[in-house]
Amino acid sequence: MTVKESFNLVGLPTTFGNPLWKDNIAAGNAFLIDRLLQAGAIVFGKTNVPYMLADAQSFNDIYGTTNNPWDATRSPGGSSGGEAATLVPACRPSGPAATSPAHCATRRTTAASMATNRPGG
């Protein structure tokens, strides 16, 4: 599974998309991450977030823009847009986000509509 970039995962950057924190390497795991690992989860990555988790899209100056995987002219949304972008193409359970389900609505698209926006879909 993946987790939102804002969750501390030991040894990986936790930046909240803020360039001032680009060198912030987590010394320990967030409580939720420890619980997931104890339950047998395998965390293989972190997903993109907007600057300080506060936008309707997922762009920051550290990692760039997260696009809709079916149409790069659209957005998977923000605060959890990175999670939304991994959900549909990978057909996997979504990782933890600040809200459940992750809030991903934008003017351009929603995470729920990404499946219908894919080519041939």
PDB file of N, CA and C in Angstrom:
ATOM      1  N   MET A   1       0.832  -1.176   0.000  1.00  0.00           N
ATOM      2  CA  MET A   1       0.000   0.000   0.000  1.00  0.00           C
ATOM      3  C   MET A   1       0.871   1.231   0.000  1.00  0.00           C
ATOM      4  N   THR A   2       0.267   2.343  -0.304  1.00  0.00           N
ATOM      5  CA  THR A   2       0.956   3.626  -0.209  1.00  0.00           C
ATOM      6  C   THR A   2       0.320   4.433   0.917  1.00  0.00           C
ATOM      7  N   VAL A   3       1.039   5.440   1.362  1.00  0.00           N
ATOM      8  CA  VAL A   3       0.518   6.341   2.388  1.00  0.00           C
ATOM      9  C   VAL A   3       0.740   7.776   1.941  1.00  0.00           C
ATOM     10  N   LYS A   4      -0.089   8.635   2.441  1.00  0.00           N
ATOM     11  CA  LYS A   4       0.012  10.054   2.128  1.00  0.00           C
ATOM     12  C   LYS A   4       1.360  10.593   2.610  1.00  0.00           C
ATOM     13  N   GLU A   5       1.962  11.462   1.821  1.00  0.00           N
ATOM     14  CA  GLU A   5       3.296  11.984   2.112  1.00  0.00           C
ATOM     15  C   GLU A   5       3.390  12.644   3.473  1.00  0.00           C
ATOM     16  N   SER A   6       2.299  13.102   4.016  1.00  0.00           N
ATOM     17  CA  SER A   6       2.318  13.807   5.296  1.00  0.00           C
ATOM     18  C   SER A   6       2.441  12.887   6.513  1.00  0.00           C
ATOM     19  N   PHE A   7       2.347  11.569   6.313  1.00  0.00           N
ATOM     20  CA  PHE A   7       2.533  10.631   7.419  1.00  0.00           C
ATOM     21  C   PHE A   7       4.019  10.298   7.569  1.00  0.00           C
ATOM     22  N   ASN A   8       4.545  10.390   8.783  1.00  0.00           N
ATOM     23  CA  ASN A   8       5.935   9.999   9.011  1.00  0.00           C
ATOM     24  C   ASN A   8       6.122   8.513   8.757  1.00  0.00           C
ATOM     25  N   LEU A   9       7.105   8.199   7.943  1.00  0.00           N
ATOM     26  CA  LEU A   9       7.522   6.825   7.668  1.00  0.00           C
ATOM     27  C   LEU A   9       9.032   6.823   7.810  1.00  0.00           C
ATOM     28  N   VAL A  10       9.537   6.108   8.809  1.00  0.00           N
ATOM     29  CA  VAL A  10      10.943   6.175   9.182  1.00  0.00           C
ATOM     30  C   VAL A  10      11.856   6.082   7.953  1.00  0.00           C
ATOM     31  N   GLY A  11      12.810   7.029   7.905  1.00  0.00           N
ATOM     32  CA  GLY A  11      13.806   7.042   6.839  1.00  0.00           C
ATOM     33  C   GLY A  11      13.397   7.748   5.570  1.00  0.00           C
ATOM     34  N   LEU A  12      12.137   8.180   5.471  1.00  0.00           N
ATOM     35  CA  LEU A  12      11.664   8.863   4.269  1.00  0.00           C
ATOM     36  C   LEU A  12      11.309  10.315   4.578  1.00  0.00           C
ATOM     37  N   PRO A  13      11.369  11.177   3.564  1.00  0.00           N
ATOM     38  CA  PRO A  13      11.009  12.577   3.791  1.00  0.00           C
ATOM     39  C   PRO A  13       9.529  12.731   4.137  1.00  0.00           C
ATOM     40  N   THR A  14       9.249  13.647   5.033  1.00  0.00           N
ATOM     41  CA  THR A  14       7.888  14.078   5.333  1.00  0.00           C
ATOM     42  C   THR A  14       7.921  15.597   5.233  1.00  0.00           C
ATOM     43  N   THR A  15       7.339  16.114   4.156  1.00  0.00           N
ATOM     44  CA  THR A  15       7.500  17.535   3.850  1.00  0.00           C
ATOM     45  C   THR A  15       6.214  18.340   3.824  1.00  0.00           C
ATOM     46  N   PHE A  16       5.054  17.697   3.749  1.00  0.00           N
ATOM     47  CA  PHE A  16       3.786  18.395   3.547  1.00  0.00           C
ATOM     48  C   PHE A  16       3.843  19.266   2.287  1.00  0.00           C
ATOM     49  N   GLY A  17       4.740  18.923   1.350  1.00  0.00           N
ATOM     50  CA  GLY A  17       4.889  19.689   0.120  1.00  0.00           C
ATOM     51  C   GLY A  17       5.569  21.029   0.299  1.00  0.00           C
ATOM     52  N   ASN A  18       6.148  21.278   1.460  1.00  0.00           N
ATOM     53  CA  ASN A  18       6.779  22.551   1.789  1.00  0.00           C
ATOM     54  C   ASN A  18       8.276  22.471   1.503  1.00  0.00           C
ATOM     55  N   PRO A  19       8.778  23.265   0.538  1.00  0.00           N
ATOM     56  CA  PRO A  19      10.208  23.220   0.216  1.00  0.00           C
ATOM     57  C   PRO A  19      11.128  23.472   1.412  1.00  0.00           C
ATOM     58  N   LEU A  20      10.659  24.222   2.412  1.00  0.00           N
ATOM     59  CA  LEU A  20      11.486  24.461   3.601  1.00  0.00           C
ATOM     60  C   LEU A  20      11.754  23.169   4.363  1.00  0.00           C
ATOM     61  N   TRP A  21      10.906  22.158   4.167  1.00  0.00           N
ATOM     62  CA  TRP A  21      11.031  20.886   4.892  1.00  0.00           C
ATOM     63  C   TRP A  21      11.520  19.749   4.000  1.00  0.00           C
ATOM     64  N   LYS A  22      12.084  20.077   2.822  1.00  0.00           N
ATOM     65  CA  LYS A  22      12.466  19.026   1.874  1.00  0.00           C
ATOM     66  C   LYS A  22      13.505  18.063   2.431  1.00  0.00           C
ATOM     67  N   ASP A  23      14.259  18.474   3.399  1.00  0.00           N
ATOM     68  CA  ASP A  23      15.280  17.602   3.997  1.00  0.00           C
ATOM     69  C   ASP A  23      14.832  16.977   5.313  1.00  0.00           C
ATOM     70  N   ASN A  24      13.545  17.087   5.644  1.00  0.00           N
ATOM     71  CA  ASN A  24      13.020  16.519   6.884  1.00  0.00           C
ATOM     72  C   ASN A  24      12.810  15.015   6.711  1.00  0.00           C
ATOM     73  N   ILE A  25      13.700  14.236   7.272  1.00  0.00           N
ATOM     74  CA  ILE A  25      13.614  12.776   7.193  1.00  0.00           C
ATOM     75  C   ILE A  25      13.022  12.257   8.505  1.00  0.00           C
ATOM     76  N   ALA A  26      11.965  11.477   8.395  1.00  0.00           N
ATOM     77  CA  ALA A  26      11.271  10.982   9.599  1.00  0.00           C
ATOM     78  C   ALA A  26      12.180  10.052  10.399  1.00  0.00           C
ATOM     79  N   ALA A  27      12.309  10.346  11.685  1.00  0.00           N
ATOM     80  CA  ALA A  27      13.102   9.501  12.583  1.00  0.00           C
ATOM     81  C   ALA A  27      12.290   8.329  13.114  1.00  0.00           C
ATOM     82  N   GLY A  28      10.973   8.424  13.015  1.00  0.00           N
ATOM     83  CA  GLY A  28      10.088   7.361  13.487  1.00  0.00           C
ATOM     84  C   GLY A  28       8.816   7.358  12.673  1.00  0.00           C
ATOM     85  N   ASN A  29       8.001   6.371  12.892  1.00  0.00           N
ATOM     86  CA  ASN A  29       6.741   6.245  12.181  1.00  0.00           C
ATOM     87  C   ASN A  29       5.614   6.977  12.901  1.00  0.00           C
ATOM     88  N   ALA A  30       4.657   7.467  12.133  1.00  0.00           N
ATOM     89  CA  ALA A  30       3.416   7.982  12.706  1.00  0.00           C
ATOM     90  C   ALA A  30       2.693   6.807  13.368  1.00  0.00           C
ATOM     91  N   PHE A  31       1.873   7.106  14.359  1.00  0.00           N
ATOM     92  CA  PHE A  31       1.130   6.060  15.076  1.00  0.00           C
ATOM     93  C   PHE A  31       0.350   5.180  14.099  1.00  0.00           C
ATOM     94  N   LEU A  32      -0.338   5.806  13.163  1.00  0.00           N
ATOM     95  CA  LEU A  32      -1.130   5.050  12.190  1.00  0.00           C
ATOM     96  C   LEU A  32      -0.257   4.112  11.356  1.00  0.00           C
ATOM     97  N   ILE A  33       0.916   4.566  10.982  1.00  0.00           N
ATOM     98  CA  ILE A  33       1.825   3.712  10.197  1.00  0.00           C
ATOM     99  C   ILE A  33       2.237   2.504  11.023  1.00  0.00           C
ATOM    100  N   ASP A  34       2.593   2.716  12.275  1.00  0.00           N
ATOM    101  CA  ASP A  34       2.944   1.576  13.141  1.00  0.00           C
ATOM    102  C   ASP A  34       1.789   0.585  13.242  1.00  0.00           C
ATOM    103  N   ARG A  35       0.568   1.091  13.393  1.00  0.00           N
ATOM    104  CA  ARG A  35      -0.598   0.195  13.477  1.00  0.00           C
ATOM    105  C   ARG A  35      -0.777  -0.601  12.182  1.00  0.00           C
ATOM    106  N   LEU A  36      -0.606   0.057  11.044  1.00  0.00           N
ATOM    107  CA  LEU A  36      -0.721  -0.642   9.764  1.00  0.00           C
ATOM    108  C   LEU A  36       0.341  -1.727   9.626  1.00  0.00           C
ATOM    109  N   LEU A  37       1.572  -1.393   9.989  1.00  0.00           N
ATOM    110  CA  LEU A  37       2.665  -2.367   9.897  1.00  0.00           C
ATOM    111  C   LEU A  37       2.432  -3.546  10.841  1.00  0.00           C
ATOM    112  N   GLN A  38       1.955  -3.263  12.050  1.00  0.00           N
ATOM    113  CA  GLN A  38       1.655  -4.334  13.001  1.00  0.00           C
ATOM    114  C   GLN A  38       0.562  -5.254  12.484  1.00  0.00           C
ATOM    115  N   ALA A  39      -0.334  -4.708  11.677  1.00  0.00           N
ATOM    116  CA  ALA A  39      -1.425  -5.505  11.114  1.00  0.00           C
ATOM    117  C   ALA A  39      -1.000  -6.256   9.848  1.00  0.00           C
ATOM    118  N   GLY A  40       0.265  -6.070   9.440  1.00  0.00           N
ATOM    119  CA  GLY A  40       0.776  -6.807   8.292  1.00  0.00           C
ATOM    120  C   GLY A  40       0.841  -6.031   6.991  1.00  0.00           C
ATOM    121  N   ALA A  41       0.524  -4.756   7.018  1.00  0.00           N
ATOM    122  CA  ALA A  41       0.588  -3.953   5.790  1.00  0.00           C
ATOM    123  C   ALA A  41       2.025  -3.843   5.306  1.00  0.00           C
ATOM    124  N   ILE A  42       2.176  -3.760   4.015  1.00  0.00           N
ATOM    125  CA  ILE A  42       3.479  -3.503   3.398  1.00  0.00           C
ATOM    126  C   ILE A  42       3.370  -2.139   2.722  1.00  0.00           C
ATOM    127  N   VAL A  43       4.125  -1.183   3.231  1.00  0.00           N
ATOM    128  CA  VAL A  43       4.105   0.170   2.693  1.00  0.00           C
ATOM    129  C   VAL A  43       5.254   0.272   1.693  1.00  0.00           C
ATOM    130  N   PHE A  44       4.898   0.516   0.438  1.00  0.00           N
ATOM    131  CA  PHE A  44       5.949   0.582  -0.572  1.00  0.00           C
ATOM    132  C   PHE A  44       6.097   1.960  -1.190  1.00  0.00           C
ATOM    133  N   GLY A  45       5.438   2.960  -0.641  1.00  0.00           N
ATOM    134  CA  GLY A  45       5.636   4.303  -1.147  1.00  0.00           C
ATOM    135  C   GLY A  45       4.770   5.327  -0.457  1.00  0.00           C
ATOM    136  N   LYS A  46       5.095   6.585  -0.752  1.00  0.00           N
ATOM    137  CA  LYS A  46       4.325   7.715  -0.255  1.00  0.00           C
ATOM    138  C   LYS A  46       3.793   8.473  -1.464  1.00  0.00           C
ATOM    139  N   THR A  47       2.623   9.080  -1.315  1.00  0.00           N
ATOM    140  CA  THR A  47       1.990   9.755  -2.440  1.00  0.00           C
ATOM    141  C   THR A  47       2.008  11.271  -2.280  1.00  0.00           C
ATOM    142  N   ASN A  48       1.952  11.940  -3.402  1.00  0.00           N
ATOM    143  CA  ASN A  48       2.082  13.389  -3.470  1.00  0.00           C
ATOM    144  C   ASN A  48       0.921  14.123  -2.804  1.00  0.00           C
ATOM    145  N   VAL A  49       1.229  15.318  -2.316  1.00  0.00           N
ATOM    146  CA  VAL A  49       0.248  16.196  -1.675  1.00  0.00           C
ATOM    147  C   VAL A  49       0.500  17.630  -2.127  1.00  0.00           C
ATOM    148  N   PRO A  50      -0.516  18.498  -2.044  1.00  0.00           N
ATOM    149  CA  PRO A  50      -0.267  19.914  -2.317  1.00  0.00           C
ATOM    150  C   PRO A  50       0.460  20.562  -1.140  1.00  0.00           C
ATOM    151  N   TYR A  51       0.994  21.745  -1.388  1.00  0.00           N
ATOM    152  CA  TYR A  51       1.678  22.510  -0.354  1.00  0.00           C
ATOM    153  C   TYR A  51       0.802  22.607   0.898  1.00  0.00           C
ATOM    154  N   MET A  52       1.319  22.114   1.986  1.00  0.00           N
ATOM    155  CA  MET A  52       0.676  22.138   3.301  1.00  0.00           C
ATOM    156  C   MET A  52      -0.718  21.490   3.289  1.00  0.00           C
ATOM    157  N   LEU A  53      -0.959  20.591   2.346  1.00  0.00           N
ATOM    158  CA  LEU A  53      -2.211  19.828   2.229  1.00  0.00           C
ATOM    159  C   LEU A  53      -3.411  20.719   1.968  1.00  0.00           C
ATOM    160  N   ALA A  54      -3.179  21.912   1.439  1.00  0.00           N
ATOM    161  CA  ALA A  54      -4.256  22.898   1.391  1.00  0.00           C
ATOM    162  C   ALA A  54      -4.535  23.409  -0.018  1.00  0.00           C
ATOM    163  N   ASP A  55      -4.942  22.511  -0.901  1.00  0.00           N
ATOM    164  CA  ASP A  55      -5.336  22.956  -2.230  1.00  0.00           C
ATOM    165  C   ASP A  55      -6.234  21.900  -2.853  1.00  0.00           C
ATOM    166  N   ALA A  56      -6.901  22.263  -3.931  1.00  0.00           N
ATOM    167  CA  ALA A  56      -7.821  21.353  -4.607  1.00  0.00           C
ATOM    168  C   ALA A  56      -7.122  20.565  -5.715  1.00  0.00           C
ATOM    169  N   GLN A  57      -5.809  20.568  -5.722  1.00  0.00           N
ATOM    170  CA  GLN A  57      -5.012  19.784  -6.650  1.00  0.00           C
ATOM    171  C   GLN A  57      -3.771  19.325  -5.896  1.00  0.00           C
ATOM    172  N   SER A  58      -2.943  18.479  -6.502  1.00  0.00           N
ATOM    173  CA  SER A  58      -1.756  17.986  -5.797  1.00  0.00           C
ATOM    174  C   SER A  58      -0.482  18.404  -6.524  1.00  0.00           C
ATOM    175  N   PHE A  59      -0.087  19.650  -6.305  1.00  0.00           N
ATOM    176  CA  PHE A  59       1.168  20.193  -6.814  1.00  0.00           C
ATOM    177  C   PHE A  59       1.937  20.772  -5.648  1.00  0.00           C
ATOM    178  N   ASN A  60       3.249  20.548  -5.663  1.00  0.00           N
ATOM    179  CA  ASN A  60       4.140  21.267  -4.762  1.00  0.00           C
ATOM    180  C   ASN A  60       5.481  21.409  -5.452  1.00  0.00           C
ATOM    181  N   ASP A  61       6.311  22.325  -4.971  1.00  0.00           N
ATOM    182  CA  ASP A  61       7.589  22.611  -5.612  1.00  0.00           C
ATOM    183  C   ASP A  61       8.637  21.523  -5.390  1.00  0.00           C
ATOM    184  N   ILE A  62       8.377  20.553  -4.552  1.00  0.00           N
ATOM    185  CA  ILE A  62       9.324  19.457  -4.332  1.00  0.00           C
ATOM    186  C   ILE A  62       9.092  18.344  -5.337  1.00  0.00           C
ATOM    187  N   TYR A  63       7.872  17.861  -5.429  1.00  0.00           N
ATOM    188  CA  TYR A  63       7.562  16.683  -6.247  1.00  0.00           C
ATOM    189  C   TYR A  63       6.818  17.001  -7.536  1.00  0.00           C
ATOM    190  N   GLY A  64       6.381  18.235  -7.725  1.00  0.00           N
ATOM    191  CA  GLY A  64       5.678  18.594  -8.949  1.00  0.00           C
ATOM    192  C   GLY A  64       4.192  18.291  -8.885  1.00  0.00           C
ATOM    193  N   THR A  65       3.611  18.044 -10.071  1.00  0.00           N
ATOM    194  CA  THR A  65       2.169  17.877 -10.218  1.00  0.00           C
ATOM    195  C   THR A  65       1.783  16.411 -10.299  1.00  0.00           C
ATOM    196  N   THR A  66       0.707  16.046  -9.635  1.00  0.00           N
ATOM    197  CA  THR A  66       0.096  14.736  -9.803  1.00  0.00           C
ATOM    198  C   THR A  66      -1.049  14.907 -10.782  1.00  0.00           C
ATOM    199  N   ASN A  67      -1.023  14.128 -11.864  1.00  0.00           N
ATOM    200  CA  ASN A  67      -2.080  14.205 -12.872  1.00  0.00           C
ATOM    201  C   ASN A  67      -3.016  13.016 -12.762  1.00  0.00           C
ATOM    202  N   ASN A  68      -4.193  13.166 -13.341  1.00  0.00           N
ATOM    203  CA  ASN A  68      -5.115  12.061 -13.498  1.00  0.00           C
ATOM    204  C   ASN A  68      -4.420  11.025 -14.385  1.00  0.00           C
ATOM    205  N   PRO A  69      -4.322   9.766 -13.957  1.00  0.00           N
ATOM    206  CA  PRO A  69      -3.584   8.774 -14.744  1.00  0.00           C
ATOM    207  C   PRO A  69      -4.227   8.457 -16.090  1.00  0.00           C
ATOM    208  N   TRP A  70      -5.492   8.777 -16.277  1.00  0.00           N
ATOM    209  CA  TRP A  70      -6.165   8.501 -17.555  1.00  0.00           C
ATOM    210  C   TRP A  70      -6.146   9.704 -18.473  1.00  0.00           C
ATOM    211  N   ASP A  71      -5.921  10.898 -17.941  1.00  0.00           N
ATOM    212  CA  ASP A  71      -5.953  12.123 -18.750  1.00  0.00           C
ATOM    213  C   ASP A  71      -5.107  13.175 -18.037  1.00  0.00           C
ATOM    214  N   ALA A  72      -3.899  13.394 -18.548  1.00  0.00           N
ATOM    215  CA  ALA A  72      -2.951  14.298 -17.890  1.00  0.00           C
ATOM    216  C   ALA A  72      -3.414  15.752 -17.889  1.00  0.00           C
ATOM    217  N   THR A  73      -4.463  16.082 -18.609  1.00  0.00           N
ATOM    218  CA  THR A  73      -4.987  17.445 -18.566  1.00  0.00           C
ATOM    219  C   THR A  73      -5.937  17.644 -17.394  1.00  0.00           C
ATOM    220  N   ARG A  74      -6.221  16.566 -16.663  1.00  0.00           N
ATOM    221  CA  ARG A  74      -7.130  16.634 -15.520  1.00  0.00           C
ATOM    222  C   ARG A  74      -6.367  16.391 -14.229  1.00  0.00           C
ATOM    223  N   SER A  75      -6.992  16.749 -13.139  1.00  0.00           N
ATOM    224  CA  SER A  75      -6.392  16.583 -11.819  1.00  0.00           C
ATOM    225  C   SER A  75      -7.118  15.500 -11.034  1.00  0.00           C
ATOM    226  N   PRO A  76      -6.383  14.703 -10.241  1.00  0.00           N
ATOM    227  CA  PRO A  76      -7.059  13.767  -9.351  1.00  0.00           C
ATOM    228  C   PRO A  76      -7.525  14.442  -8.064  1.00  0.00           C
ATOM    229  N   GLY A  77      -7.273  15.732  -7.950  1.00  0.00           N
ATOM    230  CA  GLY A  77      -7.719  16.474  -6.780  1.00  0.00           C
ATOM    231  C   GLY A  77      -6.611  16.694  -5.784  1.00  0.00           C
ATOM    232  N   GLY A  78      -6.977  17.241  -4.656  1.00  0.00           N
ATOM    233  CA  GLY A  78      -6.012  17.506  -3.630  1.00  0.00           C
ATOM    234  C   GLY A  78      -6.689  17.299  -2.312  1.00  0.00           C
ATOM    235  N   SER A  79      -6.074  17.390  -1.488  1.00  0.00           N
ATOM    236  CA  SER A  79      -5.131  17.042  -0.470  1.00  0.00           C
ATOM    237  C   SER A  79      -4.664  15.599  -0.620  1.00  0.00           C
ATOM    238  N   SER A  80      -5.515  14.717  -1.030  1.00  0.00           N
ATOM    239  CA  SER A  80      -5.100  13.321  -1.212  1.00  0.00           C
ATOM    240  C   SER A  80      -5.093  12.928  -2.691  1.00  0.00           C
ATOM    241  N   GLY A  81      -4.746  13.867  -3.554  1.00  0.00           N
ATOM    242  CA  GLY A  81      -4.726  13.598  -4.986  1.00  0.00           C
ATOM    243  C   GLY A  81      -3.743  12.509  -5.374  1.00  0.00           C
ATOM    244  N   GLY A  82      -2.609  12.432  -4.670  1.00  0.00           N
ATOM    245  CA  GLY A  82      -1.647  11.366  -4.956  1.00  0.00           C
ATOM    246  C   GLY A  82      -2.242   9.999  -4.684  1.00  0.00           C
ATOM    247  N   GLU A  83      -2.972   9.879  -3.586  1.00  0.00           N
ATOM    248  CA  GLU A  83      -3.652   8.619  -3.269  1.00  0.00           C
ATOM    249  C   GLU A  83      -4.705   8.309  -4.319  1.00  0.00           C
ATOM    250  N   ALA A  84      -5.465   9.325  -4.710  1.00  0.00           N
ATOM    251  CA  ALA A  84      -6.518   9.118  -5.706  1.00  0.00           C
ATOM    252  C   ALA A  84      -5.922   8.640  -7.025  1.00  0.00           C
ATOM    253  N   ALA A  85      -4.793   9.211  -7.423  1.00  0.00           N
ATOM    254  CA  ALA A  85      -4.168   8.838  -8.692  1.00  0.00           C
ATOM    255  C   ALA A  85      -3.656   7.404  -8.685  1.00  0.00           C
ATOM    256  N   THR A  86      -3.323   6.878  -7.525  1.00  0.00           N
ATOM    257  CA  THR A  86      -2.848   5.489  -7.471  1.00  0.00           C
ATOM    258  C   THR A  86      -3.988   4.491  -7.335  1.00  0.00           C
ATOM    259  N   LEU A  87      -5.123   4.941  -6.877  1.00  0.00           N
ATOM    260  CA  LEU A  87      -6.232   4.032  -6.584  1.00  0.00           C
ATOM    261  C   LEU A  87      -6.803   3.349  -7.819  1.00  0.00           C
ATOM    262  N   VAL A  88      -7.190   4.098  -8.818  1.00  0.00           N
ATOM    263  CA  VAL A  88      -7.875   3.523  -9.978  1.00  0.00           C
ATOM    264  C   VAL A  88      -6.954   2.662 -10.830  1.00  0.00           C
ATOM    265  N   PRO A  89      -5.784   3.147 -11.270  1.00  0.00           N
ATOM    266  CA  PRO A  89      -4.980   2.309 -12.169  1.00  0.00           C
ATOM    267  C   PRO A  89      -4.403   1.073 -11.508  1.00  0.00           C
ATOM    268  N   ALA A  90      -4.145   1.131 -10.226  1.00  0.00           N
ATOM    269  CA  ALA A  90      -3.541  -0.011  -9.550  1.00  0.00           C
ATOM    270  C   ALA A  90      -4.580  -0.984  -9.018  1.00  0.00           C
ATOM    271  N   CYS A  91      -5.851  -0.564  -8.984  1.00  0.00           N
ATOM    272  CA  CYS A  91      -6.933  -1.405  -8.456  1.00  0.00           C
ATOM    273  C   CYS A  91      -6.569  -1.968  -7.088  1.00  0.00           C
ATOM    274  N   ARG A  92      -6.188  -1.094  -6.180  1.00  0.00           N
ATOM    275  CA  ARG A  92      -5.775  -1.506  -4.845  1.00  0.00           C
ATOM    276  C   ARG A  92      -6.496  -0.662  -3.811  1.00  0.00           C
ATOM    277  N   PRO A  93      -6.514  -1.113  -2.574  1.00  0.00           N
ATOM    278  CA  PRO A  93      -7.131  -0.298  -1.527  1.00  0.00           C
ATOM    279  C   PRO A  93      -6.366   1.004  -1.352  1.00  0.00           C
ATOM    280  N   SER A  94      -7.075   2.066  -1.127  1.00  0.00           N
ATOM    281  CA  SER A  94      -6.442   3.356  -0.909  1.00  0.00           C
ATOM    282  C   SER A  94      -5.748   3.381   0.436  1.00  0.00           C
ATOM    283  N   GLY A  95      -4.662   4.112   0.501  1.00  0.00           N
ATOM    284  CA  GLY A  95      -3.947   4.273   1.755  1.00  0.00           C
ATOM    285  C   GLY A  95      -4.644   5.285   2.638  1.00  0.00           C
ATOM    286  N   PRO A  96      -4.134   5.474   3.845  1.00  0.00           N
ATOM    287  CA  PRO A  96      -4.765   6.405   4.775  1.00  0.00           C
ATOM    288  C   PRO A  96      -4.638   7.840   4.289  1.00  0.00           C
ATOM    289  N   ALA A  97      -5.671   8.588   4.469  1.00  0.00           N
ATOM    290  CA  ALA A  97      -5.671  10.002   4.133  1.00  0.00           C
ATOM    291  C   ALA A  97      -6.261  10.758   5.313  1.00  0.00           C
ATOM    292  N   ALA A  98      -6.293  12.056   5.194  1.00  0.00           N
ATOM    293  CA  ALA A  98      -6.806  12.868   6.296  1.00  0.00           C
ATOM    294  C   ALA A  98      -8.295  12.658   6.489  1.00  0.00           C
ATOM    295  N   THR A  99      -8.983  12.290   5.426  1.00  0.00           N
ATOM    296  CA  THR A  99     -10.410  12.027   5.513  1.00  0.00           C
ATOM    297  C   THR A  99     -10.678  10.663   4.910  1.00  0.00           C
ATOM    298  N   SER A 100     -11.803  10.106   5.189  1.00  0.00           N
ATOM    299  CA  SER A 100     -12.111   8.786   4.652  1.00  0.00           C
ATOM    300  C   SER A 100     -13.524   8.783   4.111  1.00  0.00           C
ATOM    301  N   PRO A 101     -13.758   8.584   2.819  1.00  0.00           N
ATOM    302  CA  PRO A 101     -12.738   8.437   1.789  1.00  0.00           C
ATOM    303  C   PRO A 101     -12.026   9.754   1.532  1.00  0.00           C
ATOM    304  N   ALA A 102     -10.893   9.671   0.883  1.00  0.00           N
ATOM    305  CA  ALA A 102     -10.105  10.869   0.618  1.00  0.00           C
ATOM    306  C   ALA A 102     -10.913  11.890  -0.171  1.00  0.00           C
ATOM    307  N   HIS A 103     -10.825  13.143   0.241  1.00  0.00           N
ATOM    308  CA  HIS A 103     -11.520  14.222  -0.460  1.00  0.00           C
ATOM    309  C   HIS A 103     -10.687  14.599  -1.672  1.00  0.00           C
ATOM    310  N   CYS A 104     -11.238  14.426  -2.862  1.00  0.00           N
ATOM    311  CA  CYS A 104     -10.464  14.661  -4.073  1.00  0.00           C
ATOM    312  C   CYS A 104     -11.222  15.475  -5.112  1.00  0.00           C
ATOM    313  N   ALA A 105     -12.303  16.130  -4.765  1.00  0.00           N
ATOM    314  CA  ALA A 105     -13.092  16.858  -5.754  1.00  0.00           C
ATOM    315  C   ALA A 105     -12.366  18.108  -6.223  1.00  0.00           C
ATOM    316  N   THR A 106     -12.445  18.371  -7.523  1.00  0.00           N
ATOM    317  CA  THR A 106     -11.906  19.599  -8.092  1.00  0.00           C
ATOM    318  C   THR A 106     -12.862  20.102  -9.152  1.00  0.00           C
ATOM    319  N   ARG A 107     -12.546  21.246  -9.707  1.00  0.00           N
ATOM    320  CA  ARG A 107     -13.346  21.764 -10.815  1.00  0.00           C
ATOM    321  C   ARG A 107     -13.211  20.868 -12.036  1.00  0.00           C
ATOM    322  N   ARG A 108     -12.070  20.209 -12.193  1.00  0.00           N
ATOM    323  CA  ARG A 108     -11.797  19.474 -13.419  1.00  0.00           C
ATOM    324  C   ARG A 108     -12.303  18.039 -13.388  1.00  0.00           C
ATOM    325  N   THR A 109     -12.220  17.382 -12.267  1.00  0.00           N
ATOM    326  CA  THR A 109     -12.653  15.997 -12.179  1.00  0.00           C
ATOM    327  C   THR A 109     -12.729  15.591 -10.721  1.00  0.00           C
ATOM    328  N   THR A 110     -13.201  14.431 -10.440  1.00  0.00           N
ATOM    329  CA  THR A 110     -13.154  13.871  -9.098  1.00  0.00           C
ATOM    330  C   THR A 110     -12.508  12.515  -9.173  1.00  0.00           C
ATOM    331  N   ALA A 111     -11.985  12.054  -8.065  1.00  0.00           N
ATOM    332  CA  ALA A 111     -11.372  10.722  -8.039  1.00  0.00           C
ATOM    333  C   ALA A 111     -12.378   9.661  -8.444  1.00  0.00           C
ATOM    334  N   ALA A 112     -13.617   9.826  -8.025  1.00  0.00           N
ATOM    335  CA  ALA A 112     -14.640   8.824  -8.349  1.00  0.00           C
ATOM    336  C   ALA A 112     -14.927   8.765  -9.837  1.00  0.00           C
ATOM    337  N   SER A 113     -14.701   9.864 -10.545  1.00  0.00           N
ATOM    338  CA  SER A 113     -14.997   9.862 -11.974  1.00  0.00           C
ATOM    339  C   SER A 113     -13.790   9.483 -12.823  1.00  0.00           C
ATOM    340  N   MET A 114     -12.632   9.260 -12.207  1.00  0.00           N
ATOM    341  CA  MET A 114     -11.457   8.932 -13.013  1.00  0.00           C
ATOM    342  C   MET A 114     -11.665   7.670 -13.827  1.00  0.00           C
ATOM    343  N   ALA A 115     -12.351   6.699 -13.277  1.00  0.00           N
ATOM    344  CA  ALA A 115     -12.567   5.457 -14.011  1.00  0.00           C
ATOM    345  C   ALA A 115     -13.368   5.709 -15.284  1.00  0.00           C
ATOM    346  N   THR A 116     -14.298   6.661 -15.247  1.00  0.00           N
ATOM    347  CA  THR A 116     -15.087   6.944 -16.442  1.00  0.00           C
ATOM    348  C   THR A 116     -14.371   7.891 -17.377  1.00  0.00           C
ATOM    349  N   ASN A 117     -13.294   8.528 -16.924  1.00  0.00           N
ATOM    350  CA  ASN A 117     -12.530   9.431 -17.779  1.00  0.00           C
ATOM    351  C   ASN A 117     -11.387   8.749 -18.503  1.00  0.00           C
ATOM    352  N   ARG A 118     -11.173   7.489 -18.235  1.00  0.00           N
ATOM    353  CA  ARG A 118     -10.051   6.813 -18.873  1.00  0.00           C
ATOM    354  C   ARG A 118     -10.388   6.515 -20.334  1.00  0.00           C
ATOM    355  N   PRO A 119      -9.375   6.388 -21.192  1.00  0.00           N
ATOM    356  CA  PRO A 119      -9.633   6.075 -22.597  1.00  0.00           C
ATOM    357  C   PRO A 119     -10.404   4.771 -22.719  1.00  0.00           C
ATOM    358  N   GLY A 120     -11.443   4.782 -23.493  1.00  0.00           N
ATOM    359  CA  GLY A 120     -12.240   3.577 -23.701  1.00  0.00           C
ATOM    360  C   GLY A 120     -13.164   3.236 -22.548  1.00  0.00           C
ATOM    361  N   GLY A 121     -13.240   4.124 -21.510  1.00  0.00           N
ATOM    362  CA  GLY A 121     -13.994   3.801 -20.306  1.00  0.00           C
ATOM    363  C   GLY A 121     -15.358   4.352 -20.237  1.00  0.00           C
TER     364      GLY A 121
END
